[in-house]
PDB file of all heavy atoms in Angstrom:
ATOM      1  N   ARG A   1     219.206 285.458  14.832  1.00  0.00           N
ATOM      2  CA  ARG A   1     218.289 284.560  14.155  1.00  0.00           C
ATOM      3  C   ARG A   1     217.966 285.130  12.784  1.00  0.00           C
ATOM      4  O   ARG A   1     217.573 286.282  12.658  1.00  0.00           O
ATOM      5  CB  ARG A   1     217.009 284.374  14.967  1.00  0.00           C
ATOM      6  CG  ARG A   1     216.056 283.368  14.317  1.00  0.00           C
ATOM      7  CD  ARG A   1     214.796 283.189  15.163  1.00  0.00           C
ATOM      8  NE  ARG A   1     214.002 282.025  14.727  1.00  0.00           N
ATOM      9  CZ  ARG A   1     213.068 282.073  13.828  1.00  0.00           C
ATOM     10  NH1 ARG A   1     212.816 283.243  13.229  1.00  0.00           N
ATOM     11  NH2 ARG A   1     212.400 280.977  13.496  1.00  0.00           N
ATOM     12  N   GLY A   2     218.090 284.278  11.758  1.00  0.00           N
ATOM     13  CA  GLY A   2     217.786 284.779  10.447  1.00  0.00           C
ATOM     14  C   GLY A   2     217.867 283.729   9.374  1.00  0.00           C
ATOM     15  O   GLY A   2     218.268 282.581   9.612  1.00  0.00           O
ATOM     16  N   VAL A   3     217.468 284.134   8.172  1.00  0.00           N
ATOM     17  CA  VAL A   3     217.457 283.256   7.004  1.00  0.00           C
ATOM     18  C   VAL A   3     218.836 283.271   6.358  1.00  0.00           C
ATOM     19  O   VAL A   3     219.354 284.335   6.001  1.00  0.00           O
ATOM     20  CB  VAL A   3     216.399 283.718   5.989  1.00  0.00           C
ATOM     21  CG1 VAL A   3     216.486 282.880   4.715  1.00  0.00           C
ATOM     22  CG2 VAL A   3     215.006 283.623   6.592  1.00  0.00           C
ATOM     23  N   SER A   4     219.432 282.107   6.220  1.00  0.00           N
ATOM     24  CA  SER A   4     220.700 281.977   5.505  1.00  0.00           C
ATOM     25  C   SER A   4     220.408 281.681   4.042  1.00  0.00           C
ATOM     26  O   SER A   4     219.805 280.652   3.717  1.00  0.00           O
ATOM     27  CB  SER A   4     221.541 280.854   6.104  1.00  0.00           C
ATOM     28  OG  SER A   4     222.630 280.552   5.257  1.00  0.00           O
ATOM     29  N   GLN A   5     220.853 282.588   3.153  1.00  0.00           N
ATOM     30  CA  GLN A   5     220.617 282.358   1.728  1.00  0.00           C
ATOM     31  C   GLN A   5     221.341 281.113   1.231  1.00  0.00           C
ATOM     32  O   GLN A   5     220.786 280.298   0.500  1.00  0.00           O
ATOM     33  CB  GLN A   5     221.084 283.572   0.928  1.00  0.00           C
ATOM     34  CG  GLN A   5     220.315 284.832   1.214  1.00  0.00           C
ATOM     35  CD  GLN A   5     220.906 286.014   0.470  1.00  0.00           C
ATOM     36  OE1 GLN A   5     220.521 286.305  -0.660  1.00  0.00           O
ATOM     37  NE2 GLN A   5     221.867 286.684   1.089  1.00  0.00           N
ATOM     38  N   GLY A   6     222.618 280.977   1.644  1.00  0.00           N
ATOM     39  CA  GLY A   6     223.407 279.845   1.167  1.00  0.00           C
ATOM     40  C   GLY A   6     222.864 278.515   1.653  1.00  0.00           C
ATOM     41  O   GLY A   6     222.776 277.549   0.888  1.00  0.00           O
ATOM     42  N   HIS A   7     222.487 278.453   2.928  1.00  0.00           N
ATOM     43  CA  HIS A   7     221.964 277.205   3.468  1.00  0.00           C
ATOM     44  C   HIS A   7     220.575 276.902   2.918  1.00  0.00           C
ATOM     45  O   HIS A   7     220.235 275.738   2.681  1.00  0.00           O
ATOM     46  CB  HIS A   7     221.944 277.262   5.002  1.00  0.00           C
ATOM     47  CG  HIS A   7     223.293 277.102   5.620  1.00  0.00           C
ATOM     48  ND1 HIS A   7     224.263 278.078   5.548  1.00  0.00           N
ATOM     49  CD2 HIS A   7     223.847 276.071   6.320  1.00  0.00           C
ATOM     50  CE1 HIS A   7     225.356 277.653   6.172  1.00  0.00           C
ATOM     51  NE2 HIS A   7     225.122 276.455   6.650  1.00  0.00           N
ATOM     52  N   SER A   8     219.762 277.935   2.719  1.00  0.00           N
ATOM     53  CA  SER A   8     218.447 277.714   2.112  1.00  0.00           C
ATOM     54  C   SER A   8     218.596 277.185   0.693  1.00  0.00           C
ATOM     55  O   SER A   8     217.879 276.265   0.275  1.00  0.00           O
ATOM     56  CB  SER A   8     217.643 279.022   2.112  1.00  0.00           C
ATOM     57  OG  SER A   8     217.362 279.450   3.419  1.00  0.00           O
ATOM     58  N   ASP A   9     219.545 277.757  -0.049  1.00  0.00           N
ATOM     59  CA  ASP A   9     219.794 277.288  -1.410  1.00  0.00           C
ATOM     60  C   ASP A   9     220.261 275.837  -1.408  1.00  0.00           C
ATOM     61  O   ASP A   9     219.838 275.031  -2.250  1.00  0.00           O
ATOM     62  CB  ASP A   9     220.841 278.177  -2.078  1.00  0.00           C
ATOM     63  CG  ASP A   9     221.189 277.733  -3.493  1.00  0.00           C
ATOM     64  OD1 ASP A   9     220.307 277.799  -4.358  1.00  0.00           O
ATOM     65  OD2 ASP A   9     222.334 277.316  -3.723  1.00  0.00           O
ATOM     66  N   ALA A  10     221.112 275.482  -0.431  1.00  0.00           N
ATOM     67  CA  ALA A  10     221.593 274.105  -0.342  1.00  0.00           C
ATOM     68  C   ALA A  10     220.455 273.134  -0.069  1.00  0.00           C
ATOM     69  O   ALA A  10     220.397 272.035  -0.643  1.00  0.00           O
ATOM     70  CB  ALA A  10     222.658 273.990   0.750  1.00  0.00           C
ATOM     71  N   VAL A  11     219.515 273.522   0.791  1.00  0.00           N
ATOM     72  CA  VAL A  11     218.366 272.649   1.073  1.00  0.00           C
ATOM     73  C   VAL A  11     217.492 272.503  -0.167  1.00  0.00           C
ATOM     74  O   VAL A  11     217.014 271.401  -0.490  1.00  0.00           O
ATOM     75  CB  VAL A  11     217.544 273.204   2.255  1.00  0.00           C
ATOM     76  CG1 VAL A  11     216.275 272.374   2.464  1.00  0.00           C
ATOM     77  CG2 VAL A  11     218.374 273.196   3.531  1.00  0.00           C
ATOM     78  N   ARG A  12     217.288 273.597  -0.892  1.00  0.00           N
ATOM     79  CA  ARG A  12     216.430 273.532  -2.083  1.00  0.00           C
ATOM     80  C   ARG A  12     217.000 272.622  -3.161  1.00  0.00           C
ATOM     81  O   ARG A  12     216.267 272.157  -4.037  1.00  0.00           O
ATOM     82  CB  ARG A  12     216.212 274.945  -2.636  1.00  0.00           C
ATOM     83  CG  ARG A  12     215.270 275.792  -1.798  1.00  0.00           C
ATOM     84  CD  ARG A  12     214.862 277.063  -2.513  1.00  0.00           C
ATOM     85  NE  ARG A  12     215.951 278.007  -2.614  1.00  0.00           N
ATOM     86  CZ  ARG A  12     216.191 278.980  -1.734  1.00  0.00           C
ATOM     87  NH1 ARG A  12     215.409 279.116  -0.676  1.00  0.00           N
ATOM     88  NH2 ARG A  12     217.196 279.812  -1.917  1.00  0.00           N
ATOM     89  N   ARG A  13     218.305 272.360  -3.105  1.00  0.00           N
ATOM     90  CA  ARG A  13     218.927 271.499  -4.108  1.00  0.00           C
ATOM     91  C   ARG A  13     218.914 270.022  -3.711  1.00  0.00           C
ATOM     92  O   ARG A  13     219.375 269.176  -4.480  1.00  0.00           O
ATOM     93  CB  ARG A  13     220.357 271.971  -4.386  1.00  0.00           C
ATOM     94  CG  ARG A  13     220.400 273.339  -5.065  1.00  0.00           C
ATOM     95  CD  ARG A  13     221.820 273.872  -5.204  1.00  0.00           C
ATOM     96  NE  ARG A  13     221.837 275.226  -5.727  1.00  0.00           N
ATOM     97  CZ  ARG A  13     221.920 275.545  -7.023  1.00  0.00           C
ATOM     98  NH1 ARG A  13     222.006 274.588  -7.923  1.00  0.00           N
ATOM     99  NH2 ARG A  13     221.934 276.810  -7.401  1.00  0.00           N
ATOM    100  N   VAL A  14     218.379 269.707  -2.542  1.00  0.00           N
ATOM    101  CA  VAL A  14     218.258 268.307  -2.135  1.00  0.00           C
ATOM    102  C   VAL A  14     217.163 267.641  -2.969  1.00  0.00           C
ATOM    103  O   VAL A  14     216.070 268.201  -3.119  1.00  0.00           O
ATOM    104  CB  VAL A  14     217.921 268.213  -0.634  1.00  0.00           C
ATOM    105  CG1 VAL A  14     217.557 266.786  -0.241  1.00  0.00           C
ATOM    106  CG2 VAL A  14     219.094 268.707   0.209  1.00  0.00           C
ATOM    107  N   PRO A  15     217.414 266.466  -3.541  1.00  0.00           N
ATOM    108  CA  PRO A  15     216.376 265.771  -4.309  1.00  0.00           C
ATOM    109  C   PRO A  15     215.116 265.575  -3.481  1.00  0.00           C
ATOM    110  O   PRO A  15     215.179 265.152  -2.321  1.00  0.00           O
ATOM    111  CB  PRO A  15     217.029 264.433  -4.666  1.00  0.00           C
ATOM    112  CG  PRO A  15     218.501 264.728  -4.657  1.00  0.00           C
ATOM    113  CD  PRO A  15     218.703 265.741  -3.561  1.00  0.00           C
ATOM    114  N   GLY A  16     213.975 265.928  -4.077  1.00  0.00           N
ATOM    115  CA  GLY A  16     212.704 265.791  -3.377  1.00  0.00           C
ATOM    116  C   GLY A  16     212.207 267.068  -2.741  1.00  0.00           C
ATOM    117  O   GLY A  16     211.074 267.120  -2.251  1.00  0.00           O
ATOM    118  N   VAL A  17     213.048 268.127  -2.741  1.00  0.00           N
ATOM    119  CA  VAL A  17     212.655 269.401  -2.135  1.00  0.00           C
ATOM    120  C   VAL A  17     212.150 270.347  -3.221  1.00  0.00           C
ATOM    121  O   VAL A  17     212.855 270.629  -4.189  1.00  0.00           O
ATOM    122  CB  VAL A  17     213.831 270.045  -1.377  1.00  0.00           C
ATOM    123  CG1 VAL A  17     213.457 271.452  -0.906  1.00  0.00           C
ATOM    124  CG2 VAL A  17     214.227 269.177  -0.195  1.00  0.00           C
ATOM    125  N   ALA A  18     210.917 270.834  -3.039  1.00  0.00           N
ATOM    126  CA  ALA A  18     210.355 271.792  -3.990  1.00  0.00           C
ATOM    127  C   ALA A  18     210.710 273.225  -3.614  1.00  0.00           C
ATOM    128  O   ALA A  18     210.948 274.069  -4.480  1.00  0.00           O
ATOM    129  CB  ALA A  18     208.833 271.638  -4.043  1.00  0.00           C
ATOM    130  N   ASP A  19     210.779 273.506  -2.323  1.00  0.00           N
ATOM    131  CA  ASP A  19     211.139 274.835  -1.854  1.00  0.00           C
ATOM    132  C   ASP A  19     211.517 274.714  -0.383  1.00  0.00           C
ATOM    133  O   ASP A  19     211.130 273.756   0.296  1.00  0.00           O
ATOM    134  CB  ASP A  19     209.982 275.814  -2.018  1.00  0.00           C
ATOM    135  CG  ASP A  19     210.437 277.281  -2.052  1.00  0.00           C
ATOM    136  OD1 ASP A  19     211.651 277.521  -1.881  1.00  0.00           O
ATOM    137  OD2 ASP A  19     209.583 278.154  -2.255  1.00  0.00           O
ATOM    138  N   ALA A  20     212.284 275.682   0.121  1.00  0.00           N
ATOM    139  CA  ALA A  20     212.722 275.593   1.510  1.00  0.00           C
ATOM    140  C   ALA A  20     213.296 276.919   1.989  1.00  0.00           C
ATOM    141  O   ALA A  20     213.774 277.734   1.194  1.00  0.00           O
ATOM    142  CB  ALA A  20     213.782 274.499   1.682  1.00  0.00           C
ATOM    143  N   VAL A  21     213.251 277.101   3.306  1.00  0.00           N
ATOM    144  CA  VAL A  21     213.896 278.220   3.988  1.00  0.00           C
ATOM    145  C   VAL A  21     214.607 277.663   5.210  1.00  0.00           C
ATOM    146  O   VAL A  21     214.068 276.803   5.908  1.00  0.00           O
ATOM    147  CB  VAL A  21     212.873 279.296   4.417  1.00  0.00           C
ATOM    148  CG1 VAL A  21     213.520 280.331   5.323  1.00  0.00           C
ATOM    149  CG2 VAL A  21     212.280 279.977   3.204  1.00  0.00           C
ATOM    150  N   GLN A  22     215.824 278.160   5.478  1.00  0.00           N
ATOM    151  CA  GLN A  22     216.585 277.701   6.646  1.00  0.00           C
ATOM    152  C   GLN A  22     216.908 278.882   7.551  1.00  0.00           C
ATOM    153  O   GLN A  22     217.378 279.927   7.092  1.00  0.00           O
ATOM    154  CB  GLN A  22     217.879 277.012   6.207  1.00  0.00           C
ATOM    155  CG  GLN A  22     218.656 276.365   7.352  1.00  0.00           C
ATOM    156  CD  GLN A  22     219.680 277.292   7.975  1.00  0.00           C
ATOM    157  OE1 GLN A  22     220.394 278.011   7.289  1.00  0.00           O
ATOM    158  NE2 GLN A  22     219.762 277.297   9.295  1.00  0.00           N
ATOM    159  N   TYR A  23     216.647 278.707   8.846  1.00  0.00           N
ATOM    160  CA  TYR A  23     216.945 279.725   9.846  1.00  0.00           C
ATOM    161  C   TYR A  23     218.107 279.266  10.723  1.00  0.00           C
ATOM    162  O   TYR A  23     218.141 278.115  11.175  1.00  0.00           O
ATOM    163  CB  TYR A  23     215.739 279.973  10.760  1.00  0.00           C
ATOM    164  CG  TYR A  23     214.551 280.589  10.073  1.00  0.00           C
ATOM    165  CD1 TYR A  23     213.589 279.796   9.447  1.00  0.00           C
ATOM    166  CD2 TYR A  23     214.376 281.970  10.047  1.00  0.00           C
ATOM    167  CE1 TYR A  23     212.493 280.356   8.821  1.00  0.00           C
ATOM    168  CE2 TYR A  23     213.282 282.546   9.422  1.00  0.00           C
ATOM    169  CZ  TYR A  23     212.341 281.736   8.812  1.00  0.00           C
ATOM    170  OH  TYR A  23     211.257 282.299   8.182  1.00  0.00           O
ATOM    171  N   THR A  24     219.035 280.172  10.959  1.00  0.00           N
ATOM    172  CA  THR A  24     220.124 279.942  11.901  1.00  0.00           C
ATOM    173  C   THR A  24     219.787 280.683  13.191  1.00  0.00           C
ATOM    174  O   THR A  24     219.445 281.870  13.151  1.00  0.00           O
ATOM    175  CB  THR A  24     221.454 280.455  11.333  1.00  0.00           C
ATOM    176  OG1 THR A  24     221.700 279.819  10.077  1.00  0.00           O
ATOM    177  CG2 THR A  24     222.602 280.157  12.286  1.00  0.00           C
ATOM    178  N   ILE A  25     219.904 279.977  14.330  1.00  0.00           N
ATOM    179  CA  ILE A  25     219.467 280.543  15.609  1.00  0.00           C
ATOM    180  C   ILE A  25     220.607 280.457  16.617  1.00  0.00           C
ATOM    181  O   ILE A  25     221.054 279.364  16.976  1.00  0.00           O
ATOM    182  CB  ILE A  25     218.244 279.776  16.147  1.00  0.00           C
ATOM    183  CG1 ILE A  25     217.126 279.777  15.094  1.00  0.00           C
ATOM    184  CG2 ILE A  25     217.759 280.386  17.462  1.00  0.00           C
ATOM    185  CD1 ILE A  25     215.985 278.846  15.407  1.00  0.00           C
ATOM    186  N   PRO A  26     221.127 281.605  17.091  1.00  0.00           N
ATOM    187  CA  PRO A  26     222.200 281.578  18.082  1.00  0.00           C
ATOM    188  C   PRO A  26     221.656 281.277  19.474  1.00  0.00           C
ATOM    189  O   PRO A  26     220.490 281.549  19.775  1.00  0.00           O
ATOM    190  CB  PRO A  26     222.774 282.989  18.014  1.00  0.00           C
ATOM    191  CG  PRO A  26     221.608 283.834  17.604  1.00  0.00           C
ATOM    192  CD  PRO A  26     220.759 282.972  16.708  1.00  0.00           C
ATOM    193  N   SER A  27     222.504 280.744  20.322  1.00  0.00           N
ATOM    194  CA  SER A  27     222.128 280.461  21.703  1.00  0.00           C
ATOM    195  C   SER A  27     222.323 281.704  22.560  1.00  0.00           C
ATOM    196  O   SER A  27     223.456 282.185  22.706  1.00  0.00           O
ATOM    197  CB  SER A  27     222.989 279.326  22.262  1.00  0.00           C
ATOM    198  OG  SER A  27     222.889 279.279  23.673  1.00  0.00           O
ATOM    199  N   PRO A  28     221.255 282.258  23.161  1.00  0.00           N
ATOM    200  CA  PRO A  28     221.417 283.433  24.029  1.00  0.00           C
ATOM    201  C   PRO A  28     222.349 283.164  25.202  1.00  0.00           C
ATOM    202  O   PRO A  28     223.131 284.038  25.597  1.00  0.00           O
ATOM    203  CB  PRO A  28     219.984 283.716  24.507  1.00  0.00           C
ATOM    204  CG  PRO A  28     219.095 283.091  23.477  1.00  0.00           C
ATOM    205  CD  PRO A  28     219.836 281.871  23.009  1.00  0.00           C
ATOM    206  N   ASP A  29     222.299 281.957  25.754  1.00  0.00           N
ATOM    207  CA  ASP A  29     223.168 281.616  26.880  1.00  0.00           C
ATOM    208  C   ASP A  29     224.635 281.644  26.472  1.00  0.00           C
ATOM    209  O   ASP A  29     225.492 282.156  27.207  1.00  0.00           O
ATOM    210  CB  ASP A  29     222.802 280.238  27.423  1.00  0.00           C
ATOM    211  CG  ASP A  29     223.701 279.826  28.582  1.00  0.00           C
ATOM    212  OD1 ASP A  29     223.635 280.485  29.639  1.00  0.00           O
ATOM    213  OD2 ASP A  29     224.453 278.855  28.420  1.00  0.00           O
ATOM    214  N   ALA A  30     224.933 281.120  25.280  1.00  0.00           N
ATOM    215  CA  ALA A  30     226.319 281.116  24.807  1.00  0.00           C
ATOM    216  C   ALA A  30     226.827 282.539  24.593  1.00  0.00           C
ATOM    217  O   ALA A  30     227.974 282.870  24.934  1.00  0.00           O
ATOM    218  CB  ALA A  30     226.429 280.311  23.519  1.00  0.00           C
TER     219      ALA A  30
END
């Protein structure tokens, strides 16, 4: 589980977004 810089940057570039953070979360069962 952690912050993806690339994905967070992609979200911040969406029109209407002032700031954002994105977390990627692996499945423990998988």
